[in-house]
């Protein structure tokens, strides 16, 4: 495991823990390019690698998660392959997030209307991209096949 200290422009010290080789981290490059420059906190999750771990295989994490996702959804759909979560943490508000986003690489495509229906929201179009608004105040956007974005709060300008 490697610890890396990054000092963003806001003056905050952010510690990034990378438990993968640099070559593996490079696989997140296309996802990281979609993170706005104002982000001062970033988390990279290789969901496939987690599910491939000996403990996850032994305890059947993937199968159990797929079976329980509809009842207790977490931050990512069961089709998730890799995930980048980013935010702008505001030092003047005890590090409350001004905005949060996720870029999610999927094993299979997810329909935006399915997300909107499951969340009790509606389908919208933003910059010619299909988006699902949710009552929790987030937008899910189909960026391209097998690539999903999520933005909170659900301001159309942030999504753009």
Protein backbone atom coordinates (compact mmCIF):
# COMPACT_ATOMS: atom_id res chain seq x y z
CA UNK A 1 0.00 0.00 0.00
CA UNK A 2 1.29 3.47 -0.83
CA UNK A 3 0.28 6.76 0.80
CA UNK A 4 0.52 9.93 -1.21
CA UNK A 5 0.02 13.42 0.16
CA UNK A 6 -1.54 15.92 -2.20
CA UNK A 7 -1.89 19.61 -1.39
CA UNK A 8 -4.72 21.04 -3.50
CA UNK A 9 -5.09 24.73 -4.26
CA UNK A 10 -7.53 25.16 -1.35
CA UNK A 11 -4.71 24.55 1.12
CA UNK A 12 -6.28 21.36 2.43
CA UNK A 13 -4.11 18.31 2.77
CA UNK A 14 -5.70 15.30 1.17
CA UNK A 15 -4.29 11.82 1.71
CA UNK A 16 -4.84 9.38 -1.11
CA UNK A 17 -4.36 5.70 -0.33
CA UNK A 18 -3.49 3.64 -3.37
CA UNK A 19 -3.51 -0.10 -2.89
CA UNK A 20 -2.83 -0.83 -6.54
CA UNK A 21 0.20 -0.53 -8.74
CA UNK A 22 0.64 2.69 -10.73
CA UNK A 23 -0.15 0.79 -13.94
CA UNK A 24 -3.45 -0.33 -12.44
CA UNK A 25 -4.23 3.24 -11.30
CA UNK A 26 -3.68 4.40 -14.90
CA UNK A 27 -6.80 2.41 -15.88
CA UNK A 28 -8.82 5.14 -14.14
CA UNK A 29 -7.41 7.88 -16.42
CA UNK A 30 -10.47 8.17 -18.65
CA UNK A 31 -12.72 8.36 -15.59
CA UNK A 32 -10.51 10.93 -13.85
CA UNK A 33 -10.54 13.18 -16.93
CA UNK A 34 -14.26 13.68 -16.30
CA UNK A 35 -13.66 15.08 -12.79
CA UNK A 36 -13.85 18.90 -12.72
CA UNK A 37 -10.69 20.77 -11.68
CA UNK A 38 -12.41 22.12 -8.54
CA UNK A 39 -12.46 18.69 -6.88
CA UNK A 40 -10.31 18.48 -3.77
CA UNK A 41 -11.23 14.94 -2.71
CA UNK A 42 -11.11 11.87 -4.96
CA UNK A 43 -11.62 8.16 -4.26
CA UNK A 44 -10.86 5.40 -6.80
CA UNK A 45 -12.55 2.02 -6.34
CA UNK A 46 -11.74 -1.05 -8.43
CA UNK A 47 -14.89 -3.02 -7.69
CA UNK A 48 -13.80 -5.97 -9.86
CA UNK A 49 -10.59 -6.26 -7.81
CA UNK A 50 -12.56 -6.18 -4.56
CA UNK A 51 -14.86 -8.95 -5.76
CA UNK A 52 -11.81 -10.97 -6.89
CA UNK A 53 -10.18 -10.89 -3.44
CA UNK A 54 -9.97 -14.19 -1.54
CA UNK A 55 -12.27 -12.93 1.25
CA UNK A 56 -14.89 -11.66 -1.21
CA UNK A 57 -14.87 -14.97 -3.07
CA UNK A 58 -15.10 -16.97 0.15
CA UNK A 59 -17.94 -14.84 1.54
CA UNK A 60 -19.66 -14.49 -1.87
CA UNK A 61 -19.74 -10.68 -1.68
CA UNK A 62 -20.69 -10.24 -5.35
CA UNK A 63 -23.59 -12.70 -5.29
CA UNK A 64 -24.87 -11.39 -1.95
CA UNK A 65 -24.65 -7.78 -3.14
CA UNK A 66 -26.52 -8.51 -6.38
CA UNK A 67 -29.28 -10.27 -4.43
CA UNK A 68 -29.70 -7.47 -1.87
CA UNK A 69 -29.09 -4.37 -4.02
CA UNK A 70 -32.77 -3.77 -4.82
CA UNK A 71 -33.65 -3.74 -1.11
CA UNK A 72 -30.64 -1.79 0.18
CA UNK A 73 -28.84 -0.01 -2.67
CA UNK A 74 -25.38 1.33 -1.93
CA UNK A 75 -23.59 4.03 -3.88
CA UNK A 76 -23.04 1.94 -6.97
CA UNK A 77 -25.16 -0.42 -9.05
CA UNK A 78 -24.22 -4.11 -9.09
CA UNK A 79 -23.00 -3.73 -12.71
CA UNK A 80 -20.15 -1.48 -11.49
CA UNK A 81 -16.65 -2.33 -12.67
CA UNK A 82 -14.75 0.78 -11.54
CA UNK A 83 -15.80 3.90 -9.71
CA UNK A 84 -14.34 7.37 -9.19
CA UNK A 85 -15.99 9.54 -6.56
CA UNK A 86 -15.00 13.21 -6.35
CA UNK A 87 -16.17 16.18 -4.33
CA UNK A 88 -15.39 19.75 -3.42
CA UNK A 89 -15.06 19.81 0.37
CA UNK A 90 -15.49 23.31 1.77
CA UNK A 91 -13.05 24.16 4.60
CA UNK A 92 -15.31 27.03 5.70
CA UNK A 93 -18.23 24.66 6.41
CA UNK A 94 -16.38 21.94 8.34
CA UNK A 95 -15.58 20.14 5.08
CA UNK A 96 -19.21 19.79 4.00
CA UNK A 97 -19.36 18.93 0.31
CA UNK A 98 -20.41 21.78 -1.99
CA UNK A 99 -20.89 19.17 -4.71
CA UNK A 100 -20.22 15.49 -5.28
CA UNK A 101 -19.97 13.37 -8.38
CA UNK A 102 -19.22 9.84 -9.45
CA UNK A 103 -18.08 8.40 -12.74
CA UNK A 104 -18.95 4.72 -12.97
CA UNK A 105 -17.62 2.20 -15.48
CA UNK A 106 -20.15 -0.63 -15.87
CA UNK A 107 -19.93 -4.23 -17.04
CA UNK A 108 -23.22 -3.73 -18.89
CA UNK A 109 -25.26 -0.73 -19.92
CA UNK A 110 -27.93 0.65 -17.58
CA UNK A 111 -31.05 2.37 -18.88
CA UNK A 112 -31.59 5.89 -17.56
CA UNK A 113 -35.36 5.40 -17.51
CA UNK A 114 -34.83 2.35 -15.26
CA UNK A 115 -32.88 4.49 -12.78
CA UNK A 116 -35.52 7.23 -12.89
CA UNK A 117 -38.31 4.69 -12.36
CA UNK A 118 -36.52 2.87 -9.52
CA UNK A 119 -35.74 6.15 -7.74
CA UNK A 120 -39.17 7.73 -8.28
CA UNK A 121 -37.75 10.47 -10.50
CA UNK A 122 -38.03 11.42 -14.15
CA UNK A 123 -36.00 11.32 -17.36
CA UNK A 124 -34.50 14.56 -18.61
CA UNK A 125 -32.09 15.60 -21.37
CA UNK A 126 -29.05 17.75 -20.55
CA UNK A 127 -26.62 18.73 -23.31
CA UNK A 128 -28.13 16.02 -25.50
CA UNK A 129 -27.41 13.35 -22.87
CA UNK A 130 -30.10 11.25 -21.24
CA UNK A 131 -30.34 11.97 -17.50
CA UNK A 132 -32.42 10.73 -14.57
CA UNK A 133 -33.40 13.23 -11.88
CA UNK A 134 -34.01 11.66 -8.47
CA UNK A 135 -36.00 13.04 -5.52
CA UNK A 136 -32.84 12.68 -3.40
CA UNK A 137 -31.48 15.62 -5.38
CA UNK A 138 -29.10 13.87 -7.77
CA UNK A 139 -28.82 13.45 -11.51
CA UNK A 140 -27.63 10.23 -13.14
CA UNK A 141 -26.33 10.76 -16.68
CA UNK A 142 -25.53 8.20 -19.36
CA UNK A 143 -22.19 9.58 -20.58
CA UNK A 144 -21.65 6.80 -23.12
CA UNK A 145 -22.38 3.07 -23.31
CA UNK A 146 -21.31 1.41 -20.04
CA UNK A 147 -20.32 4.78 -18.52
CA UNK A 148 -22.60 6.47 -15.99
CA UNK A 149 -22.20 9.79 -14.23
CA UNK A 150 -23.87 10.97 -11.02
CA UNK A 151 -23.96 14.58 -9.80
CA UNK A 152 -25.21 15.92 -6.47
CA UNK A 153 -26.86 18.35 -5.94
CA UNK A 154 -29.08 18.06 -9.00
CA UNK A 155 -28.32 21.43 -10.57
CA UNK A 156 -28.52 21.30 -14.34
CA UNK A 157 -25.57 23.70 -14.55
CA UNK A 158 -23.35 21.32 -12.52
CA UNK A 159 -24.43 18.44 -14.73
CA UNK A 160 -23.55 20.40 -17.88
